N, C-alpha and C. Protein backbone atom coordinates (compact mmCIF):
# COMPACT_ATOMS: atom_id res chain seq x y z
N MET A 1 19.90 1.38 -5.58
CA MET A 1 19.77 1.04 -4.19
C MET A 1 20.26 -0.38 -3.95
N ASP A 2 20.85 -0.57 -2.83
CA ASP A 2 21.40 -1.87 -2.45
C ASP A 2 20.39 -2.58 -1.54
N ILE A 3 19.86 -3.74 -1.98
CA ILE A 3 18.86 -4.44 -1.18
C ILE A 3 19.45 -5.05 0.09
N ASN A 4 20.77 -5.10 0.20
CA ASN A 4 21.42 -5.65 1.39
C ASN A 4 21.75 -4.57 2.42
N LYS A 5 21.51 -3.32 2.09
CA LYS A 5 21.80 -2.20 2.98
C LYS A 5 20.55 -1.87 3.81
N ARG A 6 20.76 -1.43 5.04
CA ARG A 6 19.66 -1.01 5.91
C ARG A 6 19.40 0.49 5.67
N TYR A 7 18.13 0.83 5.44
CA TYR A 7 17.73 2.21 5.18
C TYR A 7 16.82 2.72 6.29
N THR A 8 16.67 4.02 6.37
CA THR A 8 15.78 4.64 7.34
C THR A 8 14.51 5.12 6.63
N TYR A 9 13.53 5.50 7.43
CA TYR A 9 12.31 6.07 6.87
C TYR A 9 12.64 7.37 6.13
N ALA A 10 13.58 8.13 6.63
CA ALA A 10 14.01 9.37 5.96
C ALA A 10 14.56 9.05 4.57
N ASP A 11 15.33 7.96 4.45
CA ASP A 11 15.81 7.53 3.13
C ASP A 11 14.62 7.22 2.21
N TYR A 12 13.68 6.47 2.73
CA TYR A 12 12.50 6.06 1.96
C TYR A 12 11.77 7.27 1.37
N LEU A 13 11.66 8.32 2.15
CA LEU A 13 10.96 9.52 1.68
C LEU A 13 11.65 10.20 0.51
N THR A 14 12.91 9.91 0.26
CA THR A 14 13.63 10.54 -0.85
C THR A 14 13.50 9.75 -2.15
N TRP A 15 12.95 8.56 -2.10
CA TRP A 15 12.84 7.71 -3.30
C TRP A 15 11.63 8.14 -4.11
N LEU A 16 11.86 8.87 -5.17
CA LEU A 16 10.79 9.45 -5.97
C LEU A 16 10.69 8.82 -7.35
N ASP A 17 11.15 7.58 -7.50
CA ASP A 17 11.16 6.95 -8.82
C ASP A 17 9.86 6.24 -9.16
N GLY A 18 8.88 6.23 -8.25
CA GLY A 18 7.57 5.65 -8.53
C GLY A 18 7.51 4.13 -8.42
N LYS A 19 8.58 3.48 -8.02
CA LYS A 19 8.57 2.02 -7.88
C LYS A 19 7.91 1.63 -6.56
N ALA A 20 7.09 0.57 -6.62
CA ALA A 20 6.44 0.08 -5.41
C ALA A 20 7.42 -0.77 -4.62
N ARG A 21 7.58 -0.44 -3.35
CA ARG A 21 8.47 -1.21 -2.49
C ARG A 21 8.06 -0.99 -1.04
N GLU A 22 8.47 -1.92 -0.20
CA GLU A 22 8.25 -1.80 1.23
C GLU A 22 9.60 -1.68 1.90
N LEU A 23 9.61 -1.06 3.05
CA LEU A 23 10.81 -0.98 3.87
C LEU A 23 10.47 -1.70 5.17
N ILE A 24 11.03 -2.89 5.35
CA ILE A 24 10.73 -3.73 6.52
C ILE A 24 12.01 -3.93 7.31
N ASP A 25 11.97 -3.50 8.58
CA ASP A 25 13.15 -3.55 9.45
C ASP A 25 14.36 -2.90 8.79
N GLY A 26 14.10 -1.87 7.97
CA GLY A 26 15.18 -1.13 7.34
C GLY A 26 15.66 -1.69 6.01
N PHE A 27 15.10 -2.82 5.58
CA PHE A 27 15.54 -3.44 4.33
C PHE A 27 14.45 -3.33 3.26
N ILE A 28 14.88 -3.12 2.02
CA ILE A 28 13.97 -2.94 0.89
C ILE A 28 13.38 -4.28 0.49
N LYS A 29 12.05 -4.29 0.32
CA LYS A 29 11.34 -5.44 -0.22
C LYS A 29 10.59 -4.94 -1.44
N MET A 30 10.96 -5.41 -2.60
CA MET A 30 10.30 -4.98 -3.84
C MET A 30 8.94 -5.64 -3.93
N MET A 31 7.96 -4.90 -4.39
CA MET A 31 6.60 -5.40 -4.52
C MET A 31 6.31 -5.73 -5.97
N PRO A 32 5.93 -6.98 -6.25
CA PRO A 32 5.59 -7.32 -7.63
C PRO A 32 4.28 -6.67 -8.05
N THR A 33 4.10 -6.50 -9.33
CA THR A 33 2.85 -5.97 -9.86
C THR A 33 1.75 -7.01 -9.64
N PRO A 34 0.59 -6.59 -9.10
CA PRO A 34 -0.49 -7.55 -8.87
C PRO A 34 -1.01 -8.15 -10.18
N ARG A 35 -1.44 -9.40 -10.11
CA ARG A 35 -2.03 -10.06 -11.27
C ARG A 35 -3.46 -9.56 -11.46
N LEU A 36 -4.02 -9.82 -12.61
CA LEU A 36 -5.37 -9.38 -12.94
C LEU A 36 -6.38 -9.92 -11.93
N GLU A 37 -6.23 -11.17 -11.53
CA GLU A 37 -7.16 -11.77 -10.57
C GLU A 37 -7.14 -11.02 -9.23
N HIS A 38 -5.95 -10.62 -8.81
CA HIS A 38 -5.82 -9.86 -7.57
C HIS A 38 -6.52 -8.51 -7.68
N ALA A 39 -6.34 -7.85 -8.81
CA ALA A 39 -6.97 -6.55 -9.02
C ALA A 39 -8.49 -6.67 -8.99
N GLU A 40 -9.02 -7.74 -9.57
CA GLU A 40 -10.47 -7.95 -9.60
C GLU A 40 -11.02 -8.20 -8.19
N VAL A 41 -10.35 -9.03 -7.42
CA VAL A 41 -10.78 -9.31 -6.05
C VAL A 41 -10.68 -8.05 -5.20
N SER A 42 -9.58 -7.33 -5.34
CA SER A 42 -9.37 -6.10 -4.60
C SER A 42 -10.47 -5.08 -4.90
N LYS A 43 -10.81 -4.94 -6.15
CA LYS A 43 -11.88 -4.00 -6.56
C LYS A 43 -13.20 -4.39 -5.93
N ASN A 44 -13.53 -5.67 -5.94
CA ASN A 44 -14.80 -6.13 -5.39
C ASN A 44 -14.88 -5.94 -3.88
N ILE A 45 -13.78 -6.18 -3.18
CA ILE A 45 -13.75 -5.96 -1.73
C ILE A 45 -13.95 -4.47 -1.44
N TYR A 46 -13.25 -3.63 -2.18
CA TYR A 46 -13.39 -2.18 -1.98
C TYR A 46 -14.84 -1.74 -2.20
N ARG A 47 -15.44 -2.18 -3.29
CA ARG A 47 -16.81 -1.77 -3.61
C ARG A 47 -17.77 -2.19 -2.51
N HIS A 48 -17.61 -3.40 -2.00
CA HIS A 48 -18.50 -3.88 -0.94
C HIS A 48 -18.30 -3.07 0.35
N LEU A 49 -17.05 -2.93 0.78
CA LEU A 49 -16.79 -2.19 2.02
C LEU A 49 -17.27 -0.75 1.93
N ASP A 50 -17.00 -0.11 0.80
CA ASP A 50 -17.40 1.29 0.64
C ASP A 50 -18.92 1.42 0.68
N SER A 51 -19.64 0.50 0.06
CA SER A 51 -21.11 0.59 0.07
C SER A 51 -21.66 0.37 1.48
N VAL A 52 -21.05 -0.52 2.26
CA VAL A 52 -21.49 -0.73 3.64
C VAL A 52 -21.27 0.52 4.48
N VAL A 53 -20.11 1.12 4.35
CA VAL A 53 -19.81 2.34 5.12
C VAL A 53 -20.78 3.45 4.74
N LEU A 54 -21.01 3.65 3.45
CA LEU A 54 -21.92 4.71 3.01
C LEU A 54 -23.35 4.44 3.46
N LYS A 55 -23.80 3.21 3.33
CA LYS A 55 -25.17 2.84 3.71
C LYS A 55 -25.41 3.08 5.20
N ASN A 56 -24.42 2.80 6.02
CA ASN A 56 -24.55 2.93 7.47
C ASN A 56 -24.04 4.27 8.00
N LYS A 57 -23.75 5.19 7.07
CA LYS A 57 -23.25 6.53 7.44
C LYS A 57 -22.07 6.43 8.40
N GLY A 58 -21.15 5.54 8.07
CA GLY A 58 -19.98 5.30 8.91
C GLY A 58 -19.05 6.49 9.00
N GLN A 59 -18.28 6.50 10.07
CA GLN A 59 -17.34 7.59 10.31
C GLN A 59 -15.95 7.28 9.75
N CYS A 60 -15.78 6.13 9.13
CA CYS A 60 -14.47 5.78 8.57
C CYS A 60 -14.49 5.96 7.06
N LYS A 61 -13.34 5.83 6.46
CA LYS A 61 -13.20 5.96 5.01
C LYS A 61 -12.56 4.69 4.46
N VAL A 62 -12.96 4.32 3.26
CA VAL A 62 -12.38 3.17 2.57
C VAL A 62 -11.59 3.70 1.39
N PHE A 63 -10.31 3.28 1.29
CA PHE A 63 -9.45 3.73 0.20
C PHE A 63 -9.11 2.57 -0.71
N TYR A 64 -9.05 2.83 -1.99
CA TYR A 64 -8.72 1.79 -2.96
C TYR A 64 -7.27 1.90 -3.44
N ALA A 65 -6.85 3.10 -3.74
CA ALA A 65 -5.51 3.30 -4.28
C ALA A 65 -4.46 3.03 -3.20
N PRO A 66 -3.32 2.48 -3.57
CA PRO A 66 -2.27 2.26 -2.57
C PRO A 66 -1.70 3.58 -2.05
N PHE A 67 -1.33 3.57 -0.80
CA PHE A 67 -0.68 4.72 -0.20
C PHE A 67 0.21 4.24 0.93
N ASP A 68 1.09 5.09 1.39
CA ASP A 68 2.04 4.71 2.42
C ASP A 68 1.38 4.52 3.78
N VAL A 69 1.81 3.50 4.48
CA VAL A 69 1.39 3.26 5.86
C VAL A 69 2.67 3.06 6.66
N ARG A 70 2.77 3.74 7.79
CA ARG A 70 3.96 3.63 8.63
C ARG A 70 3.58 3.01 9.96
N TYR A 71 4.17 1.85 10.25
CA TYR A 71 3.97 1.17 11.53
C TYR A 71 5.13 1.48 12.45
N PHE A 72 4.85 1.71 13.71
CA PHE A 72 5.91 2.02 14.68
C PHE A 72 6.22 0.81 15.50
């Protein structure tokens, strides 16, 4: 893939190589692997938020694993 080329969301959906990347304004932004400290903080935030939602019988869900989000 050419990082200087503009891609569409349809292009993005065909990339099945498992590499983490973002598509911003049509351009590829590679995502670095998080450091250990980031993973630890992320885990603690998730655990806290999830326990609050469960305790209060919230109607929302808290997700830990990364997944695609599409902004319009």
